[in-house]
Amino acid sequence: MKQEKIFKYILIIICVIAAIYFLIIENRITFTSITADEAIAKLENDSSIILLDVRTLEEYQEKRIPNSILIPIDNLRSRVLTEIEDKETRIFVYCGTGVRSKDAAGILVNLGYERVYNLGGIDEWKYETESGP
């Protein structure tokens, strides 16, 4: 009899923990992928969007999307909170091929940014670019 009560309590606790876990997973904020065509249309209509390049300084100087800011992925955690303070800012993240931008988008979401878009690689960007310091 006593063992049955203990078993019921343990079962209830397990169910509550499982329910909380699934609620957290379901409500987790994630990032969205966006194509270059979708991004250019949004950029033309919303100057508050931040284009975030997460490549190295050398890559950034060689070729970048105009009006983008550089925060290399290696420095993202330490710099983004001071450089992009508003966590509701829409951020389009890109890199060279899309690998680092995906990782960076995940970092931003984990830091609490709510409107993160993975633009992928500049290799897929068929619009205007610039170079230089």
C-alpha atoms as a PDB file:
ATOM      1  CA  MET A   1       0.000   0.000   0.000  1.00  0.00           C
ATOM      2  CA  LYS A   2       2.743   2.442   0.978  1.00  0.00           C
ATOM      3  CA  GLN A   3       4.774   1.467  -2.094  1.00  0.00           C
ATOM      4  CA  GLU A   4       1.782   2.193  -4.350  1.00  0.00           C
ATOM      5  CA  LYS A   5       1.531   5.757  -2.963  1.00  0.00           C
ATOM      6  CA  ILE A   6       5.246   6.333  -3.483  1.00  0.00           C
ATOM      7  CA  PHE A   7       4.985   4.978  -7.019  1.00  0.00           C
ATOM      8  CA  LYS A   8       2.032   7.316  -7.756  1.00  0.00           C
ATOM      9  CA  TYR A   9       3.951  10.336  -6.437  1.00  0.00           C
ATOM     10  CA  ILE A  10       6.994   9.460  -8.491  1.00  0.00           C
ATOM     11  CA  LEU A  11       4.824   9.020 -11.572  1.00  0.00           C
ATOM     12  CA  ILE A  12       3.159  12.407 -10.993  1.00  0.00           C
ATOM     13  CA  ILE A  13       6.541  14.097 -10.581  1.00  0.00           C
ATOM     14  CA  ILE A  14       7.828  12.520 -13.797  1.00  0.00           C
ATOM     15  CA  CYS A  15       4.708  13.657 -15.676  1.00  0.00           C
ATOM     16  CA  VAL A  16       5.032  17.220 -14.369  1.00  0.00           C
ATOM     17  CA  ILE A  17       8.719  17.381 -15.337  1.00  0.00           C
ATOM     18  CA  ALA A  18       7.940  16.006 -18.804  1.00  0.00           C
ATOM     19  CA  ALA A  19       5.112  18.512 -19.283  1.00  0.00           C
ATOM     20  CA  ILE A  20       7.340  21.439 -18.281  1.00  0.00           C
ATOM     21  CA  TYR A  21      10.111  20.217 -20.590  1.00  0.00           C
ATOM     22  CA  PHE A  22       7.784  19.983 -23.596  1.00  0.00           C
ATOM     23  CA  LEU A  23       6.281  23.407 -22.865  1.00  0.00           C
ATOM     24  CA  ILE A  24       9.752  24.923 -22.853  1.00  0.00           C
ATOM     25  CA  ILE A  25      10.700  23.172 -26.100  1.00  0.00           C
ATOM     26  CA  GLU A  26       7.457  24.216 -27.839  1.00  0.00           C
ATOM     27  CA  ASN A  27       7.810  27.859 -26.808  1.00  0.00           C
ATOM     28  CA  ARG A  28      11.506  28.157 -27.546  1.00  0.00           C
ATOM     29  CA  ILE A  29      12.348  31.049 -29.811  1.00  0.00           C
ATOM     30  CA  THR A  30      14.218  30.014 -32.929  1.00  0.00           C
ATOM     31  CA  PHE A  31      15.648  31.791 -35.917  1.00  0.00           C
ATOM     32  CA  THR A  32      14.188  31.868 -39.402  1.00  0.00           C
ATOM     33  CA  SER A  33      16.011  31.357 -42.676  1.00  0.00           C
ATOM     34  CA  ILE A  34      15.575  34.088 -45.260  1.00  0.00           C
ATOM     35  CA  THR A  35      16.557  34.186 -48.925  1.00  0.00           C
ATOM     36  CA  ALA A  36      18.482  37.013 -50.548  1.00  0.00           C
ATOM     37  CA  ASP A  37      15.374  38.014 -52.516  1.00  0.00           C
ATOM     38  CA  GLU A  38      13.247  38.172 -49.366  1.00  0.00           C
ATOM     39  CA  ALA A  39      15.973  40.054 -47.507  1.00  0.00           C
ATOM     40  CA  ILE A  40      16.500  42.714 -50.171  1.00  0.00           C
ATOM     41  CA  ALA A  41      12.767  43.453 -50.278  1.00  0.00           C
ATOM     42  CA  LYS A  42      12.639  43.869 -46.496  1.00  0.00           C
ATOM     43  CA  LEU A  43      15.838  45.929 -46.399  1.00  0.00           C
ATOM     44  CA  GLU A  44      14.440  48.363 -48.964  1.00  0.00           C
ATOM     45  CA  ASN A  45      11.413  49.016 -46.745  1.00  0.00           C
ATOM     46  CA  ASP A  46      12.915  48.889 -43.237  1.00  0.00           C
ATOM     47  CA  SER A  47      16.096  50.774 -42.377  1.00  0.00           C
ATOM     48  CA  SER A  48      16.045  49.471 -38.793  1.00  0.00           C
ATOM     49  CA  ILE A  49      17.099  45.965 -39.862  1.00  0.00           C
ATOM     50  CA  ILE A  50      20.670  45.140 -38.889  1.00  0.00           C
ATOM     51  CA  LEU A  51      22.765  43.223 -41.387  1.00  0.00           C
ATOM     52  CA  LEU A  52      25.267  41.313 -39.297  1.00  0.00           C
ATOM     53  CA  ASP A  53      28.376  39.886 -40.941  1.00  0.00           C
ATOM     54  CA  VAL A  54      30.017  37.251 -38.729  1.00  0.00           C
ATOM     55  CA  ARG A  55      33.086  36.578 -40.877  1.00  0.00           C
ATOM     56  CA  THR A  56      36.646  37.753 -40.239  1.00  0.00           C
ATOM     57  CA  LEU A  57      37.800  41.336 -40.760  1.00  0.00           C
ATOM     58  CA  GLU A  58      39.747  40.280 -43.860  1.00  0.00           C
ATOM     59  CA  GLU A  59      36.694  38.659 -45.437  1.00  0.00           C
ATOM     60  CA  TYR A  60      34.559  41.676 -44.553  1.00  0.00           C
ATOM     61  CA  GLN A  61      36.997  44.104 -46.190  1.00  0.00           C
ATOM     62  CA  GLU A  62      37.221  41.949 -49.300  1.00  0.00           C
ATOM     63  CA  LYS A  63      33.461  41.865 -49.958  1.00  0.00           C
ATOM     64  CA  ARG A  64      30.398  42.714 -47.885  1.00  0.00           C
ATOM     65  CA  ILE A  65      26.760  43.721 -48.185  1.00  0.00           C
ATOM     66  CA  PRO A  66      26.438  47.524 -47.925  1.00  0.00           C
ATOM     67  CA  ASN A  67      25.448  48.890 -44.510  1.00  0.00           C
ATOM     68  CA  SER A  68      26.352  45.668 -42.724  1.00  0.00           C
ATOM     69  CA  ILE A  69      28.191  45.618 -39.427  1.00  0.00           C
ATOM     70  CA  LEU A  70      30.971  43.218 -38.577  1.00  0.00           C
ATOM     71  CA  ILE A  71      31.063  41.155 -35.424  1.00  0.00           C
ATOM     72  CA  PRO A  72      33.166  38.058 -36.093  1.00  0.00           C
ATOM     73  CA  ILE A  73      31.541  34.916 -34.731  1.00  0.00           C
ATOM     74  CA  ASP A  74      34.509  34.399 -32.391  1.00  0.00           C
ATOM     75  CA  ASN A  75      33.649  37.713 -30.685  1.00  0.00           C
ATOM     76  CA  LEU A  76      29.869  37.532 -30.984  1.00  0.00           C
ATOM     77  CA  ARG A  77      29.018  36.569 -27.390  1.00  0.00           C
ATOM     78  CA  SER A  78      31.277  39.240 -25.914  1.00  0.00           C
ATOM     79  CA  ARG A  79      30.295  42.118 -28.219  1.00  0.00           C
ATOM     80  CA  VAL A  80      26.726  41.748 -29.432  1.00  0.00           C
ATOM     81  CA  LEU A  81      24.980  42.718 -26.194  1.00  0.00           C
ATOM     82  CA  THR A  82      26.678  46.126 -26.236  1.00  0.00           C
ATOM     83  CA  GLU A  83      26.524  46.687 -30.006  1.00  0.00           C
ATOM     84  CA  ILE A  84      22.911  45.542 -30.521  1.00  0.00           C
ATOM     85  CA  GLU A  85      21.205  46.366 -27.232  1.00  0.00           C
ATOM     86  CA  ASP A  86      17.565  45.999 -28.306  1.00  0.00           C
ATOM     87  CA  LYS A  87      16.766  42.294 -28.364  1.00  0.00           C
ATOM     88  CA  GLU A  88      13.687  42.925 -30.527  1.00  0.00           C
ATOM     89  CA  THR A  89      15.765  44.376 -33.358  1.00  0.00           C
ATOM     90  CA  ARG A  90      15.411  42.440 -36.585  1.00  0.00           C
ATOM     91  CA  ILE A  91      18.839  40.959 -37.408  1.00  0.00           C
ATOM     92  CA  PHE A  92      19.838  39.364 -40.721  1.00  0.00           C
ATOM     93  CA  VAL A  93      22.985  37.283 -40.167  1.00  0.00           C
ATOM     94  CA  TYR A  94      25.320  36.263 -42.962  1.00  0.00           C
ATOM     95  CA  CYS A  95      28.796  34.825 -43.494  1.00  0.00           C
ATOM     96  CA  GLY A  96      30.655  33.305 -46.434  1.00  0.00           C
ATOM     97  CA  THR A  97      28.739  30.102 -47.123  1.00  0.00           C
ATOM     98  CA  GLY A  98      26.045  29.931 -44.428  1.00  0.00           C
ATOM     99  CA  VAL A  99      27.742  27.706 -41.846  1.00  0.00           C
ATOM    100  CA  ARG A 100      28.892  30.447 -39.450  1.00  0.00           C
ATOM    101  CA  SER A 101      25.700  32.451 -39.917  1.00  0.00           C
ATOM    102  CA  LYS A 102      23.620  29.472 -38.787  1.00  0.00           C
ATOM    103  CA  ASP A 103      25.802  29.061 -35.698  1.00  0.00           C
ATOM    104  CA  ALA A 104      25.685  32.806 -35.026  1.00  0.00           C
ATOM    105  CA  ALA A 105      21.889  32.889 -35.364  1.00  0.00           C
ATOM    106  CA  GLY A 106      21.686  30.140 -32.741  1.00  0.00           C
ATOM    107  CA  ILE A 107      23.969  32.120 -30.427  1.00  0.00           C
ATOM    108  CA  LEU A 108      21.814  35.232 -30.846  1.00  0.00           C
ATOM    109  CA  VAL A 109      18.638  33.314 -30.046  1.00  0.00           C
ATOM    110  CA  ASN A 110      20.264  31.793 -26.961  1.00  0.00           C
ATOM    111  CA  LEU A 111      21.236  35.307 -25.844  1.00  0.00           C
ATOM    112  CA  GLY A 112      17.586  36.334 -26.053  1.00  0.00           C
ATOM    113  CA  TYR A 113      17.326  38.053 -29.440  1.00  0.00           C
ATOM    114  CA  GLU A 114      13.831  37.475 -30.766  1.00  0.00           C
ATOM    115  CA  ARG A 115      13.897  38.431 -34.459  1.00  0.00           C
ATOM    116  CA  VAL A 116      16.894  36.622 -35.919  1.00  0.00           C
ATOM    117  CA  TYR A 117      17.088  35.607 -39.576  1.00  0.00           C
ATOM    118  CA  ASN A 118      19.781  33.443 -41.134  1.00  0.00           C
ATOM    119  CA  LEU A 119      20.582  35.017 -44.502  1.00  0.00           C
ATOM    120  CA  GLY A 120      23.212  32.388 -45.180  1.00  0.00           C
ATOM    121  CA  GLY A 121      26.292  33.046 -47.289  1.00  0.00           C
ATOM    122  CA  ILE A 122      27.338  36.122 -49.195  1.00  0.00           C
ATOM    123  CA  ASP A 123      28.168  33.665 -51.983  1.00  0.00           C
ATOM    124  CA  GLU A 124      24.398  33.515 -52.647  1.00  0.00           C
ATOM    125  CA  TRP A 125      23.979  37.328 -52.559  1.00  0.00           C
ATOM    126  CA  LYS A 126      23.383  38.511 -56.138  1.00  0.00           C
ATOM    127  CA  TYR A 127      22.867  42.165 -55.254  1.00  0.00           C
ATOM    128  CA  GLU A 128      25.226  45.062 -54.651  1.00  0.00           C
ATOM    129  CA  THR A 129      28.346  44.478 -52.548  1.00  0.00           C
ATOM    130  CA  GLU A 130      31.214  46.706 -51.495  1.00  0.00           C
ATOM    131  CA  SER A 131      34.801  46.278 -50.369  1.00  0.00           C
ATOM    132  CA  GLY A 132      37.525  48.139 -48.540  1.00  0.00           C
ATOM    133  CA  PRO A 133      38.052  49.236 -44.963  1.00  0.00           C
END
